[in-house]
């Protein structure tokens, strides 16, 4: 039973690291989309 507990903790820690990387990646992609949207919108507004 003790060995199972240790392996579960290792899985949880590696899963959390993976999720942190996913969160950073999603945030980066979201920021790029927002920056591109603002750039295109400002270009559109300057031509009206």
PDB file of N, CA and C in Angstrom:
ATOM      1  N   UNK A   1       0.818  -1.191   0.000  1.00  0.00           N
ATOM      2  CA  UNK A   1       0.000   0.000   0.000  1.00  0.00           C
ATOM      3  C   UNK A   1       0.868   1.263   0.000  1.00  0.00           C
ATOM      4  N   UNK A   2       1.979   1.203   0.706  1.00  0.00           N
ATOM      5  CA  UNK A   2       2.883   2.356   0.785  1.00  0.00           C
ATOM      6  C   UNK A   2       3.474   2.705  -0.584  1.00  0.00           C
ATOM      7  N   UNK A   3       3.852   1.696  -1.346  1.00  0.00           N
ATOM      8  CA  UNK A   3       4.425   1.922  -2.669  1.00  0.00           C
ATOM      9  C   UNK A   3       3.422   2.546  -3.625  1.00  0.00           C
ATOM     10  N   UNK A   4       2.165   2.177  -3.509  1.00  0.00           N
ATOM     11  CA  UNK A   4       1.118   2.733  -4.364  1.00  0.00           C
ATOM     12  C   UNK A   4       0.935   4.212  -4.065  1.00  0.00           C
ATOM     13  N   UNK A   5       1.005   4.581  -2.798  1.00  0.00           N
ATOM     14  CA  UNK A   5       0.865   5.982  -2.402  1.00  0.00           C
ATOM     15  C   UNK A   5       1.977   6.837  -2.998  1.00  0.00           C
ATOM     16  N   UNK A   6       3.192   6.338  -2.977  1.00  0.00           N
ATOM     17  CA  UNK A   6       4.326   7.087  -3.516  1.00  0.00           C
ATOM     18  C   UNK A   6       4.191   7.281  -5.018  1.00  0.00           C
ATOM     19  N   UNK A   7       3.774   6.229  -5.726  1.00  0.00           N
ATOM     20  CA  UNK A   7       3.643   6.357  -7.178  1.00  0.00           C
ATOM     21  C   UNK A   7       2.531   7.330  -7.543  1.00  0.00           C
ATOM     22  N   UNK A   8       1.476   7.387  -6.750  1.00  0.00           N
ATOM     23  CA  UNK A   8       0.391   8.332  -7.007  1.00  0.00           C
ATOM     24  C   UNK A   8       0.889   9.773  -6.848  1.00  0.00           C
ATOM     25  N   UNK A   9       1.738  10.024  -5.846  1.00  0.00           N
ATOM     26  CA  UNK A   9       2.279  11.365  -5.650  1.00  0.00           C
ATOM     27  C   UNK A   9       3.159  11.764  -6.831  1.00  0.00           C
ATOM     28  N   UNK A  10       3.941  10.840  -7.343  1.00  0.00           N
ATOM     29  CA  UNK A  10       4.796  11.148  -8.491  1.00  0.00           C
ATOM     30  C   UNK A  10       3.961  11.458  -9.715  1.00  0.00           C
ATOM     31  N   UNK A  11       2.885  10.736  -9.916  1.00  0.00           N
ATOM     32  CA  UNK A  11       2.001  10.987 -11.059  1.00  0.00           C
ATOM     33  C   UNK A  11       1.352  12.349 -10.911  1.00  0.00           C
ATOM     34  N   UNK A  12       0.899  12.693  -9.703  1.00  0.00           N
ATOM     35  CA  UNK A  12       0.259  13.985  -9.480  1.00  0.00           C
ATOM     36  C   UNK A  12       1.223  15.133  -9.747  1.00  0.00           C
ATOM     37  N   UNK A  13       2.468  15.014  -9.280  1.00  0.00           N
ATOM     38  CA  UNK A  13       3.442  16.088  -9.476  1.00  0.00           C
ATOM     39  C   UNK A  13       3.766  16.273 -10.949  1.00  0.00           C
ATOM     40  N   UNK A  14       3.946  15.187 -11.671  1.00  0.00           N
ATOM     41  CA  UNK A  14       4.253  15.319 -13.092  1.00  0.00           C
ATOM     42  C   UNK A  14       3.049  15.850 -13.849  1.00  0.00           C
ATOM     43  N   UNK A  15       1.854  15.502 -13.414  1.00  0.00           N
ATOM     44  CA  UNK A  15       0.639  16.002 -14.058  1.00  0.00           C
ATOM     45  C   UNK A  15       0.501  17.504 -13.832  1.00  0.00           C
ATOM     46  N   UNK A  16       0.825  17.988 -12.628  1.00  0.00           N
ATOM     47  CA  UNK A  16       0.743  19.416 -12.348  1.00  0.00           C
ATOM     48  C   UNK A  16       1.743  20.191 -13.202  1.00  0.00           C
ATOM     49  N   UNK A  17       2.952  19.682 -13.366  1.00  0.00           N
ATOM     50  CA  UNK A  17       3.934  20.355 -14.207  1.00  0.00           C
ATOM     51  C   UNK A  17       3.440  20.427 -15.638  1.00  0.00           C
ATOM     52  N   UNK A  18       2.839  19.362 -16.111  1.00  0.00           N
ATOM     53  CA  UNK A  18       2.306  19.333 -17.465  1.00  0.00           C
ATOM     54  C   UNK A  18       1.186  20.360 -17.618  1.00  0.00           C
ATOM     55  N   UNK A  19       0.340  20.468 -16.618  1.00  0.00           N
ATOM     56  CA  UNK A  19      -0.761  21.428 -16.690  1.00  0.00           C
ATOM     57  C   UNK A  19      -0.260  22.863 -16.617  1.00  0.00           C
ATOM     58  N   UNK A  20       0.806  23.120 -15.877  1.00  0.00           N
ATOM     59  CA  UNK A  20       1.367  24.471 -15.829  1.00  0.00           C
ATOM     60  C   UNK A  20       1.901  24.865 -17.198  1.00  0.00           C
ATOM     61  N   UNK A  21       2.564  23.942 -17.863  1.00  0.00           N
ATOM     62  CA  UNK A  21       3.057  24.218 -19.206  1.00  0.00           C
ATOM     63  C   UNK A  21       1.921  24.455 -20.183  1.00  0.00           C
ATOM     64  N   UNK A  22       0.838  23.700 -20.023  1.00  0.00           N
ATOM     65  CA  UNK A  22      -0.333  23.881 -20.878  1.00  0.00           C
ATOM     66  C   UNK A  22      -0.943  25.256 -20.653  1.00  0.00           C
ATOM     67  N   UNK A  23      -1.046  25.664 -19.403  1.00  0.00           N
ATOM     68  CA  UNK A  23      -1.606  26.973 -19.088  1.00  0.00           C
ATOM     69  C   UNK A  23      -0.767  28.087 -19.691  1.00  0.00           C
ATOM     70  N   UNK A  24       0.540  27.988 -19.595  1.00  0.00           N
ATOM     71  CA  UNK A  24       1.426  29.002 -20.174  1.00  0.00           C
ATOM     72  C   UNK A  24       1.266  29.033 -21.695  1.00  0.00           C
ATOM     73  N   UNK A  25       1.193  27.869 -22.319  1.00  0.00           N
ATOM     74  CA  UNK A  25       1.037  27.805 -23.776  1.00  0.00           C
ATOM     75  C   UNK A  25      -0.291  28.408 -24.223  1.00  0.00           C
ATOM     76  N   UNK A  26      -1.361  28.076 -23.528  1.00  0.00           N
ATOM     77  CA  UNK A  26      -2.676  28.614 -23.875  1.00  0.00           C
ATOM     78  C   UNK A  26      -2.699  30.129 -23.675  1.00  0.00           C
ATOM     79  N   UNK A  27      -2.083  30.603 -22.608  1.00  0.00           N
ATOM     80  CA  UNK A  27      -2.017  32.044 -22.371  1.00  0.00           C
ATOM     81  C   UNK A  27      -1.233  32.761 -23.456  1.00  0.00           C
ATOM     82  N   UNK A  28      -0.137  32.156 -23.898  1.00  0.00           N
ATOM     83  CA  UNK A  28       0.677  32.755 -24.947  1.00  0.00           C
ATOM     84  C   UNK A  28      -0.106  32.825 -26.266  1.00  0.00           C
ATOM     85  N   UNK A  29      -0.768  31.738 -26.625  1.00  0.00           N
ATOM     86  CA  UNK A  29      -1.557  31.723 -27.864  1.00  0.00           C
ATOM     87  C   UNK A  29      -2.703  32.732 -27.773  1.00  0.00           C
ATOM     88  N   UNK A  30      -3.346  32.807 -26.615  1.00  0.00           N
ATOM     89  CA  UNK A  30      -4.422  33.785 -26.419  1.00  0.00           C
ATOM     90  C   UNK A  30      -3.921  35.208 -26.546  1.00  0.00           C
ATOM     91  N   UNK A  31      -2.752  35.492 -25.997  1.00  0.00           N
ATOM     92  CA  UNK A  31      -2.184  36.841 -26.093  1.00  0.00           C
ATOM     93  C   UNK A  31      -1.864  37.190 -27.540  1.00  0.00           C
ATOM     94  N   UNK A  32      -1.332  36.239 -28.303  1.00  0.00           N
ATOM     95  CA  UNK A  32      -1.035  36.481 -29.710  1.00  0.00           C
ATOM     96  C   UNK A  32      -2.316  36.774 -30.480  1.00  0.00           C
ATOM     97  N   UNK A  33      -3.384  36.018 -30.202  1.00  0.00           N
ATOM     98  CA  UNK A  33      -4.666  36.253 -30.885  1.00  0.00           C
ATOM     99  C   UNK A  33      -5.204  37.637 -30.551  1.00  0.00           C
ATOM    100  N   UNK A  34      -5.141  38.035 -29.288  1.00  0.00           N
ATOM    101  CA  UNK A  34      -5.641  39.356 -28.883  1.00  0.00           C
ATOM    102  C   UNK A  34      -4.823  40.456 -29.537  1.00  0.00           C
ATOM    103  N   UNK A  35      -3.498  40.316 -29.563  1.00  0.00           N
ATOM    104  CA  UNK A  35      -2.645  41.330 -30.182  1.00  0.00           C
ATOM    105  C   UNK A  35      -2.955  41.454 -31.675  1.00  0.00           C
ATOM    106  N   UNK A  36      -3.130  40.321 -32.351  1.00  0.00           N
ATOM    107  CA  UNK A  36      -3.456  40.359 -33.778  1.00  0.00           C
ATOM    108  C   UNK A  36      -4.827  40.996 -34.007  1.00  0.00           C
ATOM    109  N   UNK A  37      -5.801  40.691 -33.155  1.00  0.00           N
ATOM    110  CA  UNK A  37      -7.135  41.250 -33.295  1.00  0.00           C
ATOM    111  C   UNK A  37      -7.092  42.766 -33.118  1.00  0.00           C
ATOM    112  N   UNK A  38      -6.357  43.234 -32.123  1.00  0.00           N
ATOM    113  CA  UNK A  38      -6.245  44.680 -31.878  1.00  0.00           C
ATOM    114  C   UNK A  38      -5.548  45.360 -33.052  1.00  0.00           C
ATOM    115  N   UNK A  39      -4.519  44.737 -33.609  1.00  0.00           N
ATOM    116  CA  UNK A  39      -3.807  45.320 -34.747  1.00  0.00           C
ATOM    117  C   UNK A  39      -4.726  45.423 -35.960  1.00  0.00           C
ATOM    118  N   UNK A  40      -5.469  44.372 -36.260  1.00  0.00           N
ATOM    119  CA  UNK A  40      -6.375  44.402 -37.416  1.00  0.00           C
ATOM    120  C   UNK A  40      -7.511  45.393 -37.169  1.00  0.00           C
ATOM    121  N   UNK A  41      -8.041  45.446 -35.965  1.00  0.00           N
ATOM    122  CA  UNK A  41      -9.118  46.380 -35.652  1.00  0.00           C
ATOM    123  C   UNK A  41      -8.651  47.829 -35.769  1.00  0.00           C
ATOM    124  N   UNK A  42      -7.431  48.114 -35.285  1.00  0.00           N
ATOM    125  CA  UNK A  42      -6.929  49.483 -35.386  1.00  0.00           C
ATOM    126  C   UNK A  42      -6.666  49.860 -36.846  1.00  0.00           C
ATOM    127  N   UNK A  43      -6.204  48.908 -37.647  1.00  0.00           N
ATOM    128  CA  UNK A  43      -6.024  49.162 -39.078  1.00  0.00           C
ATOM    129  C   UNK A  43      -7.365  49.446 -39.739  1.00  0.00           C
ATOM    130  N   UNK A  44      -8.376  48.673 -39.400  1.00  0.00           N
ATOM    131  CA  UNK A  44      -9.728  48.878 -39.929  1.00  0.00           C
ATOM    132  C   UNK A  44     -10.265  50.249 -39.528  1.00  0.00           C
ATOM    133  N   UNK A  45     -10.092  50.620 -38.256  1.00  0.00           N
ATOM    134  CA  UNK A  45     -10.625  51.908 -37.775  1.00  0.00           C
ATOM    135  C   UNK A  45      -9.879  53.070 -38.403  1.00  0.00           C
ATOM    136  N   UNK A  46      -8.606  52.924 -38.717  1.00  0.00           N
ATOM    137  CA  UNK A  46      -7.861  54.031 -39.315  1.00  0.00           C
ATOM    138  C   UNK A  46      -8.253  54.248 -40.771  1.00  0.00           C
ATOM    139  N   UNK A  47      -8.817  53.259 -41.419  1.00  0.00           N
ATOM    140  CA  UNK A  47      -9.210  53.393 -42.836  1.00  0.00           C
ATOM    141  C   UNK A  47     -10.662  53.830 -43.005  1.00  0.00           C
ATOM    142  N   UNK A  48     -11.428  53.906 -41.930  1.00  0.00           N
ATOM    143  CA  UNK A  48     -12.825  54.336 -42.055  1.00  0.00           C
ATOM    144  C   UNK A  48     -12.894  55.852 -42.125  1.00  0.00           C
TER     145      UNK A  48
END
